[in-house]
Protein backbone atom coordinates (compact mmCIF):
# COMPACT_ATOMS: atom_id res chain seq x y z
CA MET A 1 -20.39 8.17 12.12
CA PRO A 2 -22.16 5.79 14.54
CA VAL A 3 -22.28 6.59 18.25
CA GLY A 4 -19.44 4.87 20.05
CA MET A 5 -17.21 4.52 17.00
CA SER A 6 -13.78 6.07 17.46
CA PHE A 7 -12.11 8.15 14.78
CA LEU A 8 -9.45 5.44 14.57
CA ASP A 9 -12.07 2.78 13.78
CA ALA A 10 -13.83 5.08 11.34
CA ALA A 11 -10.62 5.80 9.44
CA ALA A 12 -9.80 2.10 9.14
CA MET A 13 -13.31 0.91 8.27
CA THR A 14 -14.35 3.46 5.69
CA MET A 15 -11.50 2.44 3.42
CA ASN A 16 -11.04 -1.30 3.96
CA PHE A 17 -14.62 -2.40 4.43
CA VAL A 18 -16.07 -0.18 1.72
CA VAL A 19 -13.69 -1.71 -0.82
CA ALA A 20 -14.30 -5.23 0.49
CA TYR A 21 -18.09 -4.81 0.49
CA ILE A 22 -18.18 -3.54 -3.09
CA LEU A 23 -15.90 -6.35 -4.25
CA LEU A 24 -17.85 -9.16 -2.60
CA PHE A 25 -21.47 -8.09 -2.85
CA ASP A 26 -21.86 -5.50 -5.60
CA ILE A 27 -19.39 -6.85 -8.15
CA ALA A 28 -18.87 -10.55 -7.36
CA GLY A 29 -22.37 -11.18 -5.99
CA LEU A 30 -21.34 -13.35 -3.06
CA GLN A 31 -24.02 -15.88 -2.08
CA LYS A 32 -24.48 -18.83 0.24
CA GLY A 33 -22.22 -21.79 -0.52
CA LYS A 34 -19.73 -19.91 -2.72
CA SER A 35 -15.93 -20.09 -2.53
CA VAL A 36 -13.58 -17.10 -2.57
CA LEU A 37 -9.83 -16.66 -3.07
CA VAL A 38 -8.37 -13.39 -1.84
CA HIS A 39 -4.74 -12.35 -2.14
CA SER A 40 -2.90 -10.51 0.67
CA VAL A 41 -5.48 -11.68 3.20
CA GLY A 42 -3.30 -10.30 5.99
CA GLY A 43 -3.72 -6.73 4.75
CA GLY A 44 -6.46 -4.27 5.58
CA VAL A 45 -8.83 -5.15 2.73
CA GLY A 46 -8.00 -8.85 3.04
CA GLN A 47 -9.03 -8.92 6.69
CA ALA A 48 -12.20 -6.99 5.85
CA VAL A 49 -13.04 -9.57 3.17
CA ALA A 50 -12.48 -12.34 5.73
CA GLN A 51 -14.98 -10.78 8.15
CA LEU A 52 -17.61 -10.03 5.51
CA CYS A 53 -17.44 -13.59 4.17
CA LYS A 54 -18.49 -14.79 7.63
CA THR A 55 -21.70 -12.76 7.37
CA VAL A 56 -22.85 -15.13 4.59
CA GLU A 57 -23.65 -18.77 5.35
CA ASP A 58 -21.38 -21.59 4.18
CA VAL A 59 -18.74 -19.50 2.38
CA THR A 60 -15.32 -21.09 1.88
CA LEU A 61 -12.48 -18.56 1.96
CA PHE A 62 -9.02 -19.27 0.61
CA GLY A 63 -6.53 -16.67 1.78
CA ALA A 64 -3.04 -16.20 0.39
CA ALA A 65 -0.47 -14.50 2.61
CA SER A 66 3.22 -14.44 3.42
CA GLN A 67 4.38 -17.27 5.67
CA SER A 68 5.40 -14.79 8.36
CA LYS A 69 1.73 -13.76 8.83
CA HIS A 70 0.17 -17.22 9.05
CA ASP A 71 0.14 -17.57 12.83
CA ALA A 72 -1.57 -14.21 13.29
CA ILE A 73 -4.38 -14.73 10.74
CA LYS A 74 -4.88 -18.51 10.58
CA ASP A 75 -8.25 -18.30 12.35
CA THR A 76 -9.70 -15.70 9.96
CA VAL A 77 -9.94 -17.92 6.86
CA THR A 78 -11.08 -21.41 5.94
CA HIS A 79 -7.88 -22.34 4.14
CA LEU A 80 -4.65 -20.36 4.52
CA ILE A 81 -2.06 -20.85 1.79
CA ASP A 82 1.43 -19.51 1.27
CA ARG A 83 1.81 -16.58 -1.08
CA GLY A 84 4.22 -18.22 -3.48
CA PRO A 85 4.47 -19.47 -7.06
CA ASP A 86 2.66 -22.75 -6.22
CA TYR A 87 -0.51 -21.30 -4.67
CA ILE A 88 -2.58 -22.42 -7.67
CA GLN A 89 -1.63 -26.06 -6.99
CA GLU A 90 -2.38 -25.60 -3.28
CA VAL A 91 -5.89 -24.39 -4.07
CA ARG A 92 -6.44 -27.18 -6.60
CA LYS A 93 -5.52 -29.80 -4.00
CA ILE A 94 -8.42 -28.63 -1.83
CA ALA A 95 -10.82 -27.49 -4.56
CA PRO A 96 -10.07 -29.38 -7.81
CA ASP A 97 -12.84 -27.54 -9.66
CA GLY A 98 -11.52 -24.12 -8.63
CA VAL A 99 -13.32 -21.27 -6.90
CA ASP A 100 -16.31 -19.03 -7.62
CA ILE A 101 -14.64 -15.67 -6.90
CA VAL A 102 -11.05 -14.43 -7.14
CA LEU A 103 -10.20 -11.05 -5.57
CA ASP A 104 -6.82 -9.95 -6.88
CA CYS A 105 -4.85 -6.96 -5.57
CA LEU A 106 -1.58 -8.07 -7.17
CA GLY A 107 -2.00 -7.79 -10.93
CA GLY A 108 0.70 -8.87 -13.35
CA GLU A 109 1.07 -12.59 -13.92
CA ASP A 110 -1.38 -13.31 -11.10
CA CYS A 111 -4.19 -12.06 -13.35
CA ASN A 112 -3.65 -15.03 -15.65
CA ARG A 113 -3.25 -17.48 -12.76
CA GLY A 114 -6.34 -16.25 -10.97
CA TYR A 115 -8.49 -16.51 -14.07
CA THR A 116 -7.52 -20.18 -14.55
CA LEU A 117 -8.90 -20.95 -11.06
CA LEU A 118 -12.42 -19.75 -11.86
CA LYS A 119 -15.30 -22.20 -12.07
CA PRO A 120 -17.92 -21.70 -14.77
CA MET A 121 -20.01 -18.66 -13.73
CA GLY A 122 -17.01 -17.51 -11.72
CA LYS A 123 -15.94 -13.89 -11.35
CA TYR A 124 -12.41 -12.47 -11.26
CA VAL A 125 -12.10 -8.95 -9.79
CA LEU A 126 -8.94 -6.84 -9.88
CA TYR A 127 -8.70 -4.09 -7.28
CA GLY A 128 -5.00 -3.31 -7.09
CA SER A 129 -1.59 -3.64 -8.73
CA SER A 130 0.76 -4.54 -5.90
CA ASN A 131 3.07 -6.46 -8.23
CA ILE A 132 3.59 -3.29 -10.26
CA VAL A 133 4.13 -0.71 -7.53
CA THR A 134 6.34 -2.77 -5.20
CA GLY A 135 9.67 -4.45 -5.61
CA GLU A 136 13.29 -3.47 -5.80
CA THR A 137 12.97 -1.79 -9.19
CA LYS A 138 10.13 0.44 -10.27
CA SER A 139 10.23 2.07 -13.68
CA ILE A 140 8.18 2.53 -16.80
CA PHE A 141 9.96 -0.51 -18.21
CA SER A 142 8.95 -2.81 -15.34
CA LEU A 143 5.40 -1.44 -15.60
CA ALA A 144 5.31 -2.21 -19.33
CA LYS A 145 6.73 -5.69 -18.74
CA THR A 146 4.10 -6.47 -16.13
CA TRP A 147 1.33 -5.18 -18.39
CA TRP A 148 2.63 -7.27 -21.28
CA GLN A 149 2.58 -10.44 -19.14
CA VAL A 150 -1.19 -10.16 -18.69
CA ASP A 151 -3.26 -11.93 -21.30
CA LYS A 152 -5.54 -9.57 -23.16
CA VAL A 153 -9.25 -10.09 -22.50
CA ASN A 154 -11.13 -11.88 -25.26
CA PRO A 155 -14.90 -11.35 -24.90
CA LEU A 156 -15.60 -14.47 -26.95
CA LYS A 157 -13.47 -16.51 -24.51
CA LEU A 158 -15.47 -15.15 -21.56
CA TYR A 159 -18.69 -16.00 -23.40
CA ASP A 160 -17.51 -19.51 -24.24
CA GLU A 161 -16.25 -20.27 -20.70
CA ASN A 162 -19.11 -18.57 -18.81
CA LYS A 163 -16.78 -16.39 -16.75
CA ALA A 164 -16.71 -12.68 -15.90
CA ILE A 165 -13.96 -10.15 -15.21
CA GLY A 166 -14.40 -6.92 -13.26
CA GLY A 167 -12.40 -4.25 -11.51
CA LEU A 168 -12.61 -1.59 -8.81
CA HIS A 169 -10.65 1.65 -8.49
CA LEU A 170 -12.27 3.46 -5.57
CA ARG A 171 -10.46 6.78 -6.04
CA HIS A 172 -11.54 7.00 -9.67
CA LEU A 173 -15.07 6.01 -8.72
CA LEU A 174 -15.24 8.84 -6.20
CA PHE A 175 -13.42 11.67 -7.90
CA GLN A 176 -13.68 10.98 -11.63
CA GLN A 177 -16.90 9.04 -12.07
CA ASN A 178 -19.30 10.84 -9.69
CA GLY A 179 -19.76 7.82 -7.45
CA HIS A 180 -20.18 9.79 -4.20
CA ASP A 181 -23.79 8.85 -3.54
CA TYR A 182 -23.17 5.20 -4.23
CA VAL A 183 -20.09 5.03 -2.01
CA ARG A 184 -21.96 6.85 0.78
CA SER A 185 -24.67 4.17 0.63
CA VAL A 186 -22.02 1.47 1.01
CA VAL A 187 -20.49 3.31 3.98
CA GLU A 188 -23.91 3.30 5.65
CA LYS A 189 -24.24 -0.47 5.11
CA VAL A 190 -20.78 -1.05 6.57
CA PHE A 191 -21.55 1.08 9.62
CA LYS A 192 -24.76 -0.87 10.17
CA LEU A 193 -22.83 -4.14 10.17
CA TRP A 194 -20.45 -2.63 12.72
CA GLN A 195 -23.35 -1.54 14.93
CA GLU A 196 -24.74 -5.08 14.78
CA GLY A 197 -21.39 -6.43 15.97
CA LYS A 198 -20.79 -8.46 12.81
CA ILE A 199 -17.55 -6.72 11.84
CA LYS A 200 -14.81 -4.77 13.57
CA SER A 201 -11.85 -2.72 12.41
CA VAL A 202 -8.43 -4.33 12.23
CA VAL A 203 -5.70 -1.74 12.88
CA ASP A 204 -2.11 -2.85 12.56
CA SER A 205 -0.58 0.33 13.97
CA THR A 206 -1.00 4.09 14.24
CA TRP A 207 1.57 6.66 13.13
CA ALA A 208 2.32 10.34 13.58
CA LEU A 209 2.18 12.42 10.41
CA GLU A 210 5.95 12.97 10.61
CA ASP A 211 6.50 9.19 10.46
CA VAL A 212 4.53 8.60 7.26
CA GLY A 213 7.70 7.53 5.42
CA GLU A 214 8.33 4.71 7.87
CA ALA A 215 4.67 3.67 7.70
CA MET A 216 4.78 3.55 3.90
CA GLN A 217 7.92 1.41 4.05
CA LYS A 218 6.08 -1.09 6.25
CA LEU A 219 3.27 -1.26 3.70
CA HIS A 220 5.76 -1.61 0.88
CA ASP A 221 7.41 -4.56 2.65
CA HIS A 222 4.03 -6.26 3.30
CA LYS A 223 4.66 -6.43 7.04
CA ASN A 224 1.28 -5.12 8.19
CA ILE A 225 -1.71 -7.12 9.41
CA GLY A 226 -4.70 -4.84 8.99
CA LYS A 227 -4.77 -1.11 8.42
CA LEU A 228 -2.09 1.50 9.12
CA VAL A 229 -3.65 4.74 10.34
CA LEU A 230 -2.15 8.23 10.57
CA ASP A 231 -3.06 10.01 13.81
CA PRO A 232 -2.38 13.79 13.94
CA SER A 233 -2.45 13.74 17.74
CA LEU A 234 0.56 11.43 18.02
CA GLU A 235 4.08 12.68 18.60
CA PRO A 236 6.72 11.49 16.11
CA LYS A 237 8.98 8.66 17.14
CA PRO A 238 12.34 9.74 18.57
CA LYS A 239 15.05 9.55 15.96
CA PRO A 240 17.98 7.20 16.69
CA PRO A 241 21.27 8.84 17.69
CA PRO A 242 23.84 9.17 14.90
CA THR A 243 26.02 6.11 14.43
CA LYS A 244 29.79 6.22 14.67
CA GLY A 245 30.11 6.33 10.90
CA ASN A 246 27.66 9.20 10.64
CA LYS A 247 29.45 11.06 13.44
CA GLU A 248 32.82 10.70 11.71
CA SER A 249 31.28 11.86 8.45
CA LYS A 250 29.76 14.88 10.18
CA ASP A 251 33.06 15.71 11.93
CA LYS A 252 34.85 15.50 8.58
CA GLU A 253 32.25 17.78 7.01
CA ASN A 254 32.60 20.30 9.85
CA LYS A 255 36.40 20.16 9.52
CA GLU A 256 36.19 20.85 5.79
CA LYS A 257 33.87 23.77 6.44
CA SER A 258 36.35 25.10 9.03
CA VAL A 259 39.23 24.87 6.55
CA ASP A 260 37.17 26.62 3.87
CA SER A 261 36.25 29.32 6.36
CA LYS A 262 39.91 29.88 7.33
CA ALA A 263 40.92 30.03 3.68
CA ALA A 264 38.22 32.59 3.02
CA SER A 265 39.43 34.64 6.01
CA ILE A 266 43.01 34.59 4.72
CA GLU A 267 41.88 35.65 1.25
CA SER A 268 39.80 38.41 2.77
CA ALA A 269 42.74 39.59 4.88
CA ASP A 270 45.04 39.61 1.84
CA GLY A 271 42.48 41.58 -0.10
CA ASP A 272 42.14 44.13 2.69
CA GLN A 273 45.92 44.51 2.89
CA GLU A 274 46.20 45.06 -0.86
CA ALA A 275 43.50 47.68 -0.64
CA LYS A 276 45.35 49.44 2.18
CA ASP A 277 48.63 49.38 0.20
CA GLY A 278 46.83 50.87 -2.79
CA GLU A 279 45.44 53.67 -0.66
CA ALA A 280 48.88 54.38 0.77
CA ASP A 281 50.39 54.73 -2.76
CA LYS A 282 47.85 57.31 -3.91
CA PRO A 283 49.27 60.34 -1.94
CA GLN A 284 52.78 59.51 -3.09
CA GLN A 285 51.68 59.49 -6.73
CA SER A 286 49.96 62.85 -6.27
CA GLU A 287 53.06 64.40 -4.72
CA ALA A 288 55.16 63.14 -7.58
CA GLN A 289 52.82 64.79 -10.08
């Protein structure tokens, strides 16, 4: 870790910028004068892509993001477009011929849409499946439906159209495909860019370990701009006091427990009395014999 870099910056950069660097330079081959479309540009990887694009001369960056994030990130991209069903038309209005690189973290139907935006010699790279793992319903059926919506890759079509498709799954690369040395080399390149002042970490918020559920919910709802970082030194957020409804429910539960306890005491007392009566009858029976 470079001198002067905080653990917070290191945690944010080693994930976001490593992914972004591999996507742009090692897979897509970003060069001077190229155009890039990145989805979820307000997220951690999206903001890293935005910074890395500025390290190459004359790169045009199209960024798709929710309308609620536009004010906060409008200065980080060349063209900011709304993340909606008409984003393809919005890109075409500015770049009728399409773009050179599409970085897709959504998956699903957006795979097909993104591919149609590619220029000849263009590259489409999938590095996530946000459309599959988020939403109100998540099941094997929704996963299968999303998979089915994606057109199957035809190598002859890629050959005929002079286009390329790639993908990146960093966890698999590290832990299943022995990519440790390669990833380490990318980390070193990212740290060098940080030392040169060309990039900086973008941290949305920090969270105590006990609040990881709330942090994950924020990610799930796409409300973050930059990276969410867990900090073991932080104290958990104070929990809100119980609402009136919760208090009444708790009082009712305590009352039911009290009634059950009294009933158990009565049954126990009756049982003890029966036992005493039985003991009292035994001498009488013996005398009678």
